[in-house]
C-alpha atoms as a PDB file:
ATOM      1  CA  MET A   1       5.456 -11.009  -5.489  1.00  0.00           C
ATOM      2  CA  ILE A   2       4.364 -11.554  -9.082  1.00  0.00           C
ATOM      3  CA  LEU A   3       2.127 -14.226 -10.794  1.00  0.00           C
ATOM      4  CA  ASN A   4       3.696 -16.744 -13.333  1.00  0.00           C
ATOM      5  CA  GLN A   5       2.568 -16.113 -16.658  1.00  0.00           C
ATOM      6  CA  GLU A   6      -0.060 -19.103 -16.570  1.00  0.00           C
ATOM      7  CA  ASP A   7      -1.714 -17.831 -13.611  1.00  0.00           C
ATOM      8  CA  LEU A   8      -1.663 -14.313 -14.800  1.00  0.00           C
ATOM      9  CA  GLN A   9      -3.369 -15.287 -18.107  1.00  0.00           C
ATOM     10  CA  LYS A  10      -5.784 -17.173 -16.252  1.00  0.00           C
ATOM     11  CA  LYS A  11      -6.770 -14.030 -14.149  1.00  0.00           C
ATOM     12  CA  ILE A  12      -6.957 -11.894 -17.072  1.00  0.00           C
ATOM     13  CA  HIS A  13      -9.069 -14.448 -18.837  1.00  0.00           C
ATOM     14  CA  LYS A  14     -11.185 -14.515 -15.629  1.00  0.00           C
ATOM     15  CA  ASN A  15     -11.518 -10.845 -15.179  1.00  0.00           C
ATOM     16  CA  LYS A  16     -11.923  -9.888 -19.040  1.00  0.00           C
ATOM     17  CA  GLU A  17     -15.172  -8.075 -18.581  1.00  0.00           C
ATOM     18  CA  LEU A  18     -13.802  -5.858 -15.694  1.00  0.00           C
ATOM     19  CA  ILE A  19     -10.634  -5.238 -17.802  1.00  0.00           C
ATOM     20  CA  GLU A  20     -13.094  -4.017 -20.593  1.00  0.00           C
ATOM     21  CA  ALA A  21     -15.053  -1.823 -18.291  1.00  0.00           C
ATOM     22  CA  PHE A  22     -11.829  -0.214 -16.948  1.00  0.00           C
ATOM     23  CA  HIS A  23     -10.750   0.590 -20.389  1.00  0.00           C
ATOM     24  CA  MET A  24     -14.118   2.231 -21.253  1.00  0.00           C
ATOM     25  CA  SER A  25     -14.354   4.113 -18.055  1.00  0.00           C
ATOM     26  CA  VAL A  26     -11.086   5.804 -17.921  1.00  0.00           C
ATOM     27  CA  GLU A  27     -11.102   8.965 -20.046  1.00  0.00           C
ATOM     28  CA  GLU A  28      -8.255   9.550 -22.178  1.00  0.00           C
ATOM     29  CA  ASP A  29      -8.110  13.089 -21.243  1.00  0.00           C
ATOM     30  CA  TRP A  30      -7.362  11.893 -17.690  1.00  0.00           C
ATOM     31  CA  VAL A  31      -4.179  10.073 -18.776  1.00  0.00           C
ATOM     32  CA  LYS A  32      -2.377  12.817 -20.094  1.00  0.00           C
ATOM     33  CA  GLY A  33      -1.402  14.285 -16.739  1.00  0.00           C
ATOM     34  CA  GLU A  34       1.028  12.744 -14.051  1.00  0.00           C
ATOM     35  CA  TYR A  35      -2.015  10.225 -13.351  1.00  0.00           C
ATOM     36  CA  LEU A  36      -2.003   6.569 -13.090  1.00  0.00           C
ATOM     37  CA  PHE A  37      -4.938   4.476 -13.161  1.00  0.00           C
ATOM     38  CA  LEU A  38      -4.393   0.658 -11.791  1.00  0.00           C
ATOM     39  CA  LEU A  39      -7.093  -1.998 -11.962  1.00  0.00           C
ATOM     40  CA  SER A  40      -6.451  -4.849  -9.716  1.00  0.00           C
ATOM     41  CA  ASP A  41      -8.157  -7.938  -9.003  1.00  0.00           C
ATOM     42  CA  PHE A  42      -9.840  -8.884  -5.483  1.00  0.00           C
ATOM     43  CA  GLU A  43      -6.702 -10.202  -4.228  1.00  0.00           C
ATOM     44  CA  GLY A  44      -4.559  -7.152  -5.317  1.00  0.00           C
ATOM     45  CA  TYR A  45      -2.822  -8.465  -8.375  1.00  0.00           C
ATOM     46  CA  LEU A  46      -2.416  -5.720 -11.060  1.00  0.00           C
ATOM     47  CA  LEU A  47      -4.576  -6.667 -14.076  1.00  0.00           C
ATOM     48  CA  ASP A  48      -4.038  -3.173 -16.200  1.00  0.00           C
ATOM     49  CA  VAL A  49      -2.684   0.120 -16.220  1.00  0.00           C
ATOM     50  CA  LYS A  50      -3.939   3.228 -17.778  1.00  0.00           C
ATOM     51  CA  CYS A  51      -1.583   6.290 -17.899  1.00  0.00           C
ATOM     52  CA  SER A  52       0.581   8.701 -20.296  1.00  0.00           C
ATOM     53  CA  THR A  53       3.705   7.278 -22.027  1.00  0.00           C
ATOM     54  CA  LYS A  54       5.804   9.222 -19.467  1.00  0.00           C
ATOM     55  CA  GLU A  55       4.077   7.593 -16.475  1.00  0.00           C
ATOM     56  CA  LYS A  56       4.191   4.171 -18.406  1.00  0.00           C
ATOM     57  CA  LYS A  57       8.008   4.340 -18.355  1.00  0.00           C
ATOM     58  CA  CYS A  58       7.990   5.186 -14.345  1.00  0.00           C
ATOM     59  CA  ILE A  59       6.004   2.257 -13.727  1.00  0.00           C
ATOM     60  CA  LYS A  60       8.111  -0.109 -15.826  1.00  0.00           C
ATOM     61  CA  ASP A  61      11.145   1.336 -14.298  1.00  0.00           C
ATOM     62  CA  SER A  62       9.524   0.708 -10.769  1.00  0.00           C
ATOM     63  CA  GLY A  63       9.039  -2.911 -11.505  1.00  0.00           C
ATOM     64  CA  PHE A  64       5.076  -2.706 -11.779  1.00  0.00           C
ATOM     65  CA  GLU A  65       3.535  -5.034 -14.367  1.00  0.00           C
ATOM     66  CA  GLN A  66       0.564  -7.067 -14.970  1.00  0.00           C
ATOM     67  CA  GLY A  67       0.650  -9.700 -12.248  1.00  0.00           C
ATOM     68  CA  VAL A  68       2.495  -7.953  -9.366  1.00  0.00           C
ATOM     69  CA  SER A  69       0.811  -8.011  -6.188  1.00  0.00           C
ATOM     70  CA  PHE A  70      -0.325  -4.820  -4.108  1.00  0.00           C
ATOM     71  CA  ARG A  71      -1.490  -6.874  -1.084  1.00  0.00           C
ATOM     72  CA  GLU A  72       0.002  -5.482   2.146  1.00  0.00           C
ATOM     73  CA  GLU A  73       2.122  -8.716   2.640  1.00  0.00           C
ATOM     74  CA  SER A  74       3.961  -8.152  -0.674  1.00  0.00           C
ATOM     75  CA  CYS A  75       4.738  -4.230  -0.333  1.00  0.00           C
ATOM     76  CA  GLY A  76       3.468  -2.707   2.703  1.00  0.00           C
ATOM     77  CA  THR A  77       0.798  -0.006   3.419  1.00  0.00           C
ATOM     78  CA  ASN A  78      -0.863   1.133   0.218  1.00  0.00           C
ATOM     79  CA  ALA A  79      -4.121   2.481  -0.887  1.00  0.00           C
ATOM     80  CA  ILE A  80      -5.083  -0.766  -2.833  1.00  0.00           C
ATOM     81  CA  SER A  81      -4.296  -3.039   0.201  1.00  0.00           C
ATOM     82  CA  MET A  82      -6.126  -0.954   2.637  1.00  0.00           C
ATOM     83  CA  ALA A  83      -9.072  -0.581   0.269  1.00  0.00           C
ATOM     84  CA  MET A  84      -9.492  -4.233  -0.078  1.00  0.00           C
ATOM     85  CA  ARG A  85      -9.045  -4.598   3.904  1.00  0.00           C
ATOM     86  CA  LEU A  86     -11.372  -1.695   4.741  1.00  0.00           C
ATOM     87  CA  LYS A  87     -14.010  -2.325   1.853  1.00  0.00           C
ATOM     88  CA  ARG A  88     -14.119   1.448   1.326  1.00  0.00           C
ATOM     89  CA  VAL A  89     -12.469   4.413  -0.752  1.00  0.00           C
ATOM     90  CA  VAL A  90      -8.969   5.128   0.853  1.00  0.00           C
ATOM     91  CA  TYR A  91      -6.565   8.066   0.588  1.00  0.00           C
ATOM     92  CA  VAL A  92      -2.986   7.600   1.301  1.00  0.00           C
ATOM     93  CA  ARG A  93      -0.286  10.401   1.091  1.00  0.00           C
ATOM     94  CA  PRO A  94       3.045   9.808   0.079  1.00  0.00           C
ATOM     95  CA  LYS A  95       5.006   9.673   3.422  1.00  0.00           C
ATOM     96  CA  GLU A  96       1.983   7.226   4.821  1.00  0.00           C
ATOM     97  CA  HIS A  97       3.251   4.626   2.356  1.00  0.00           C
ATOM     98  CA  TYR A  98       5.580   1.747   3.624  1.00  0.00           C
ATOM     99  CA  CYS A  99       7.345   1.030   0.357  1.00  0.00           C
ATOM    100  CA  ASP A 100       9.829   3.865  -0.973  1.00  0.00           C
ATOM    101  CA  ILE A 101       8.641   3.340  -4.503  1.00  0.00           C
ATOM    102  CA  PHE A 102       5.160   5.061  -3.444  1.00  0.00           C
ATOM    103  CA  LYS A 103       6.291   7.688  -1.293  1.00  0.00           C
ATOM    104  CA  LYS A 104       6.190  10.093  -4.080  1.00  0.00           C
ATOM    105  CA  TRP A 105       2.506   9.282  -4.821  1.00  0.00           C
ATOM    106  CA  HIS A 106      -0.609  10.370  -3.363  1.00  0.00           C
ATOM    107  CA  CYS A 107      -2.925   7.327  -3.926  1.00  0.00           C
ATOM    108  CA  ILE A 108      -6.710   7.146  -3.719  1.00  0.00           C
ATOM    109  CA  ALA A 109      -8.277   3.508  -4.223  1.00  0.00           C
ATOM    110  CA  SER A 110     -11.785   2.243  -4.097  1.00  0.00           C
ATOM    111  CA  PRO A 111     -13.104  -1.506  -4.188  1.00  0.00           C
ATOM    112  CA  ILE A 112     -15.440  -2.031  -6.810  1.00  0.00           C
ATOM    113  CA  MET A 113     -18.425  -3.782  -5.476  1.00  0.00           C
ATOM    114  CA  VAL A 114     -20.663  -6.191  -7.469  1.00  0.00           C
ATOM    115  CA  GLU A 115     -23.566  -8.499  -6.682  1.00  0.00           C
ATOM    116  CA  ASN A 116     -23.741  -9.974  -3.303  1.00  0.00           C
ATOM    117  CA  GLY A 117     -21.241  -7.225  -1.999  1.00  0.00           C
ATOM    118  CA  LYS A 118     -18.492  -9.065  -3.642  1.00  0.00           C
END
């Protein structure tokens, strides 16, 4: 599942401060290796990615782009969907993923809580 361009732009605008904080928080040294940092909104839609140029190609080849859904209904068990459901940090080993695309990845996801537990 992926958002249409209009809905994606609305989400990006609505989450502008979160995206800016994401950019300021992920150190440039962290993205030199084989690490991916993905930011999704509270519904699991991908808002932004920080990674090395090599990994950006891997992501693009996998079909991940802004607006793609990481909800369980969309791509099966994954760290983002589990962190959303359990409201805590989650670690998923490669073999525990449902979708073959994730089966090479060790994934850690954490919900970001703001005021009122949202």
